[in-house]
N, C-alpha and C. Protein backbone atom coordinates (compact mmCIF):
# COMPACT_ATOMS: atom_id res chain seq x y z
N MET A 1 107.83 75.05 31.84
CA MET A 1 106.73 75.36 30.95
C MET A 1 105.54 75.85 31.80
N PRO A 2 105.00 77.01 31.48
CA PRO A 2 103.89 77.55 32.26
C PRO A 2 102.53 76.94 31.85
N CYS A 3 101.53 77.18 32.67
CA CYS A 3 100.16 76.75 32.39
C CYS A 3 99.71 77.38 31.06
N ARG A 4 99.03 76.61 30.22
CA ARG A 4 98.59 77.11 28.91
C ARG A 4 97.53 78.20 29.01
N ILE A 5 96.81 78.26 30.10
CA ILE A 5 95.73 79.23 30.22
C ILE A 5 96.16 80.47 31.00
N CYS A 6 96.62 80.29 32.23
CA CYS A 6 96.93 81.46 33.07
C CYS A 6 98.40 81.84 33.07
N GLY A 7 99.25 80.95 32.60
CA GLY A 7 100.68 81.25 32.58
C GLY A 7 101.37 81.01 33.91
N GLY A 8 100.62 80.50 34.88
CA GLY A 8 101.18 80.24 36.20
C GLY A 8 102.09 79.02 36.20
N PRO A 9 102.86 78.85 37.27
CA PRO A 9 103.77 77.71 37.35
C PRO A 9 102.99 76.40 37.50
N LEU A 10 103.54 75.35 36.92
CA LEU A 10 102.92 74.03 37.00
C LEU A 10 103.47 73.26 38.19
N PRO A 11 102.60 72.55 38.90
CA PRO A 11 103.09 71.70 39.99
C PRO A 11 103.97 70.59 39.40
N VAL A 12 105.04 70.29 40.07
CA VAL A 12 105.96 69.26 39.60
C VAL A 12 105.57 67.94 40.23
N GLY A 13 105.30 66.96 39.38
CA GLY A 13 104.96 65.63 39.87
C GLY A 13 106.19 64.74 39.81
N THR A 14 106.15 63.67 40.57
CA THR A 14 107.30 62.76 40.57
C THR A 14 107.14 61.65 39.54
N THR A 15 105.89 61.36 39.15
CA THR A 15 105.67 60.30 38.17
C THR A 15 104.64 60.77 37.15
N GLY A 16 104.56 60.04 36.05
CA GLY A 16 103.56 60.34 35.03
C GLY A 16 103.98 61.42 34.07
N ARG A 17 103.03 61.81 33.25
CA ARG A 17 103.29 62.86 32.26
C ARG A 17 103.43 64.21 32.93
N PRO A 18 104.18 65.10 32.29
CA PRO A 18 104.25 66.47 32.81
C PRO A 18 102.87 67.12 32.71
N ARG A 19 102.54 67.96 33.66
CA ARG A 19 101.24 68.61 33.66
C ARG A 19 101.20 69.73 32.63
N THR A 20 100.00 70.02 32.14
CA THR A 20 99.80 71.07 31.16
C THR A 20 99.11 72.28 31.79
N TYR A 21 98.29 72.03 32.79
CA TYR A 21 97.51 73.08 33.45
C TYR A 21 97.83 73.07 34.93
N CYS A 22 97.76 74.24 35.55
CA CYS A 22 98.10 74.33 36.97
C CYS A 22 96.96 73.85 37.87
N ALA A 23 95.73 73.87 37.36
CA ALA A 23 94.58 73.48 38.19
C ALA A 23 93.45 72.96 37.30
N ALA A 24 92.49 72.33 37.92
CA ALA A 24 91.34 71.81 37.19
C ALA A 24 90.54 72.95 36.55
N ALA A 25 90.51 74.10 37.19
CA ALA A 25 89.78 75.24 36.62
C ALA A 25 90.40 75.69 35.30
N CYS A 26 91.72 75.69 35.22
CA CYS A 26 92.39 76.07 33.96
C CYS A 26 92.13 75.02 32.88
N ARG A 27 92.16 73.75 33.26
CA ARG A 27 91.88 72.68 32.29
C ARG A 27 90.46 72.82 31.75
N ARG A 28 89.50 73.08 32.61
CA ARG A 28 88.11 73.24 32.21
C ARG A 28 87.93 74.48 31.34
N SER A 29 88.60 75.55 31.69
CA SER A 29 88.54 76.77 30.90
C SER A 29 89.07 76.53 29.48
N CYS A 30 90.14 75.75 29.38
CA CYS A 30 90.71 75.42 28.08
C CYS A 30 89.72 74.57 27.27
N GLU A 31 89.09 73.59 27.90
CA GLU A 31 88.11 72.76 27.20
C GLU A 31 86.97 73.59 26.64
N LEU A 32 86.47 74.52 27.44
CA LEU A 32 85.37 75.38 27.00
C LEU A 32 85.81 76.29 25.84
N GLU A 33 87.02 76.83 25.93
CA GLU A 33 87.51 77.69 24.86
C GLU A 33 87.70 76.90 23.56
N ILE A 34 88.19 75.68 23.67
CA ILE A 34 88.34 74.83 22.48
C ILE A 34 86.99 74.59 21.82
N ARG A 35 85.98 74.27 22.61
CA ARG A 35 84.64 74.06 22.05
C ARG A 35 84.11 75.32 21.37
N ARG A 36 84.29 76.47 22.04
CA ARG A 36 83.82 77.74 21.47
C ARG A 36 84.54 78.05 20.16
N LEU A 37 85.85 77.87 20.14
CA LEU A 37 86.62 78.14 18.93
C LEU A 37 86.26 77.18 17.80
N ASP A 38 85.99 75.93 18.15
CA ASP A 38 85.61 74.95 17.14
C ASP A 38 84.29 75.34 16.47
N ARG A 39 83.31 75.77 17.28
CA ARG A 39 82.04 76.23 16.71
C ARG A 39 82.25 77.47 15.85
N ARG A 40 83.06 78.40 16.34
CA ARG A 40 83.34 79.64 15.60
C ARG A 40 84.01 79.33 14.26
N LEU A 41 84.96 78.41 14.27
CA LEU A 41 85.64 78.03 13.04
C LEU A 41 84.68 77.40 12.04
N GLY A 42 83.78 76.56 12.53
CA GLY A 42 82.77 75.95 11.66
C GLY A 42 81.87 77.00 11.03
N ASP A 43 81.44 77.97 11.83
CA ASP A 43 80.59 79.04 11.30
C ASP A 43 81.33 79.88 10.26
N LEU A 44 82.59 80.20 10.54
CA LEU A 44 83.37 81.01 9.60
C LEU A 44 83.61 80.27 8.28
N GLU A 45 83.93 78.99 8.38
CA GLU A 45 84.17 78.21 7.16
C GLU A 45 82.89 78.04 6.34
N GLU A 46 81.77 77.91 7.04
CA GLU A 46 80.49 77.81 6.34
C GLU A 46 80.17 79.12 5.62
N ARG A 47 80.42 80.25 6.30
CA ARG A 47 80.18 81.55 5.68
C ARG A 47 81.12 81.76 4.48
N GLN A 48 82.35 81.28 4.62
CA GLN A 48 83.32 81.40 3.52
C GLN A 48 82.85 80.58 2.31
N ALA A 49 82.34 79.38 2.54
CA ALA A 49 81.84 78.55 1.45
C ALA A 49 80.63 79.20 0.78
N GLU A 50 79.74 79.76 1.58
CA GLU A 50 78.58 80.45 1.02
C GLU A 50 79.01 81.66 0.20
N LEU A 51 80.02 82.36 0.67
CA LEU A 51 80.52 83.53 -0.02
C LEU A 51 81.12 83.16 -1.37
N ARG A 52 81.82 82.03 -1.42
CA ARG A 52 82.41 81.57 -2.68
C ARG A 52 81.34 81.19 -3.71
N MET A 53 80.23 80.63 -3.23
CA MET A 53 79.18 80.14 -4.13
C MET A 53 78.22 81.25 -4.54
N SER A 54 78.15 82.31 -3.78
CA SER A 54 77.17 83.36 -4.01
C SER A 54 77.67 84.38 -5.03
N THR A 55 76.74 84.88 -5.81
CA THR A 55 77.07 85.96 -6.74
C THR A 55 76.74 87.31 -6.14
N VAL A 56 75.91 87.31 -5.11
CA VAL A 56 75.52 88.54 -4.42
C VAL A 56 76.24 88.55 -3.07
N HIS A 57 77.04 89.57 -2.84
CA HIS A 57 77.79 89.66 -1.59
C HIS A 57 77.10 90.61 -0.63
N VAL A 58 76.97 90.16 0.59
CA VAL A 58 76.37 90.97 1.63
C VAL A 58 77.41 91.97 2.11
N TRP A 59 76.98 93.19 2.36
CA TRP A 59 77.90 94.20 2.83
C TRP A 59 78.51 93.73 4.14
N GLY A 60 79.81 93.83 4.25
CA GLY A 60 80.49 93.42 5.46
C GLY A 60 81.15 92.06 5.34
N ASP A 61 80.83 91.30 4.31
CA ASP A 61 81.48 90.01 4.10
C ASP A 61 82.71 90.22 3.23
N ASP A 62 83.79 90.58 3.85
CA ASP A 62 85.05 90.80 3.15
C ASP A 62 85.83 89.49 3.16
N PRO A 63 86.08 88.89 2.00
CA PRO A 63 86.77 87.59 1.96
C PRO A 63 88.14 87.61 2.64
N LYS A 64 88.88 88.69 2.51
CA LYS A 64 90.20 88.76 3.13
C LYS A 64 90.09 88.81 4.65
N ARG A 65 89.13 89.58 5.14
CA ARG A 65 88.94 89.67 6.59
C ARG A 65 88.45 88.33 7.15
N LEU A 66 87.58 87.67 6.39
CA LEU A 66 87.07 86.37 6.80
C LEU A 66 88.20 85.35 6.87
N GLN A 67 89.07 85.35 5.87
CA GLN A 67 90.21 84.42 5.84
C GLN A 67 91.17 84.71 7.00
N ALA A 68 91.38 85.98 7.29
CA ALA A 68 92.26 86.35 8.40
C ALA A 68 91.70 85.86 9.73
N GLU A 69 90.39 85.96 9.91
CA GLU A 69 89.75 85.49 11.14
C GLU A 69 89.85 83.97 11.25
N ILE A 70 89.65 83.27 10.14
CA ILE A 70 89.80 81.81 10.14
C ILE A 70 91.21 81.43 10.55
N LYS A 71 92.18 82.11 10.00
CA LYS A 71 93.58 81.83 10.32
C LYS A 71 93.86 82.08 11.80
N ARG A 72 93.31 83.16 12.35
CA ARG A 72 93.51 83.49 13.76
C ARG A 72 92.91 82.42 14.67
N VAL A 73 91.68 81.99 14.34
CA VAL A 73 91.01 80.98 15.16
C VAL A 73 91.76 79.65 15.09
N ARG A 74 92.21 79.26 13.91
CA ARG A 74 92.98 78.01 13.77
C ARG A 74 94.27 78.07 14.58
N ALA A 75 94.95 79.21 14.55
CA ALA A 75 96.20 79.36 15.30
C ALA A 75 95.95 79.21 16.80
N ARG A 76 94.88 79.82 17.30
CA ARG A 76 94.57 79.71 18.73
C ARG A 76 94.22 78.27 19.10
N LEU A 77 93.47 77.59 18.22
CA LEU A 77 93.14 76.19 18.49
C LEU A 77 94.41 75.34 18.56
N ARG A 78 95.33 75.55 17.61
CA ARG A 78 96.59 74.80 17.62
C ARG A 78 97.37 75.07 18.91
N GLU A 79 97.35 76.32 19.34
CA GLU A 79 98.05 76.70 20.57
C GLU A 79 97.45 75.97 21.77
N LEU A 80 96.13 75.96 21.85
CA LEU A 80 95.47 75.30 22.99
C LEU A 80 95.63 73.79 22.96
N LEU A 81 95.68 73.23 21.78
CA LEU A 81 95.81 71.78 21.66
C LEU A 81 97.26 71.33 21.74
N GLY A 82 98.18 72.29 21.74
CA GLY A 82 99.58 71.95 21.88
C GLY A 82 100.23 71.49 20.61
N ALA A 83 99.58 71.71 19.49
CA ALA A 83 100.15 71.31 18.21
C ALA A 83 100.82 72.53 17.58
N GLY A 84 102.11 72.56 17.59
CA GLY A 84 102.84 73.69 17.05
C GLY A 84 103.08 73.58 15.56
N ALA A 85 102.43 72.65 14.90
CA ALA A 85 102.63 72.47 13.47
C ALA A 85 102.12 73.67 12.70
N PRO A 86 102.78 74.03 11.61
CA PRO A 86 102.30 75.16 10.80
C PRO A 86 100.98 74.83 10.13
N GLU A 87 100.24 75.88 9.78
CA GLU A 87 98.96 75.71 9.11
C GLU A 87 99.16 75.12 7.73
N PRO A 88 98.37 74.10 7.36
CA PRO A 88 98.55 73.51 6.03
C PRO A 88 98.16 74.51 4.94
N THR A 89 98.86 74.43 3.84
CA THR A 89 98.53 75.30 2.71
C THR A 89 97.59 74.56 1.77
N VAL A 90 96.61 75.26 1.28
CA VAL A 90 95.62 74.67 0.39
C VAL A 90 95.95 75.12 -1.03
N THR A 91 96.12 74.17 -1.92
CA THR A 91 96.37 74.51 -3.32
C THR A 91 95.13 74.21 -4.13
N ARG A 92 94.86 75.06 -5.07
CA ARG A 92 93.67 74.87 -5.92
C ARG A 92 94.07 74.90 -7.36
């Protein structure tokens, strides 16, 4: 299994859990990206909620494009966190 960030080979340890990152720099880079994506997802979901409640739509706020971006950010977060579970479906 390669490093989640750079794709490089992982050092093989003799004990403990298998490593996920090849170096501390890759682990730190992943942590920063997770934080950035989490903030981005919060902003997108907030904008989506405002869009649903608003009767006046701002030019450029395309609900389909917004939903696609939310889906993309969630998928990347799942990838970084190592959760390969499919995205939950929301029924209304």
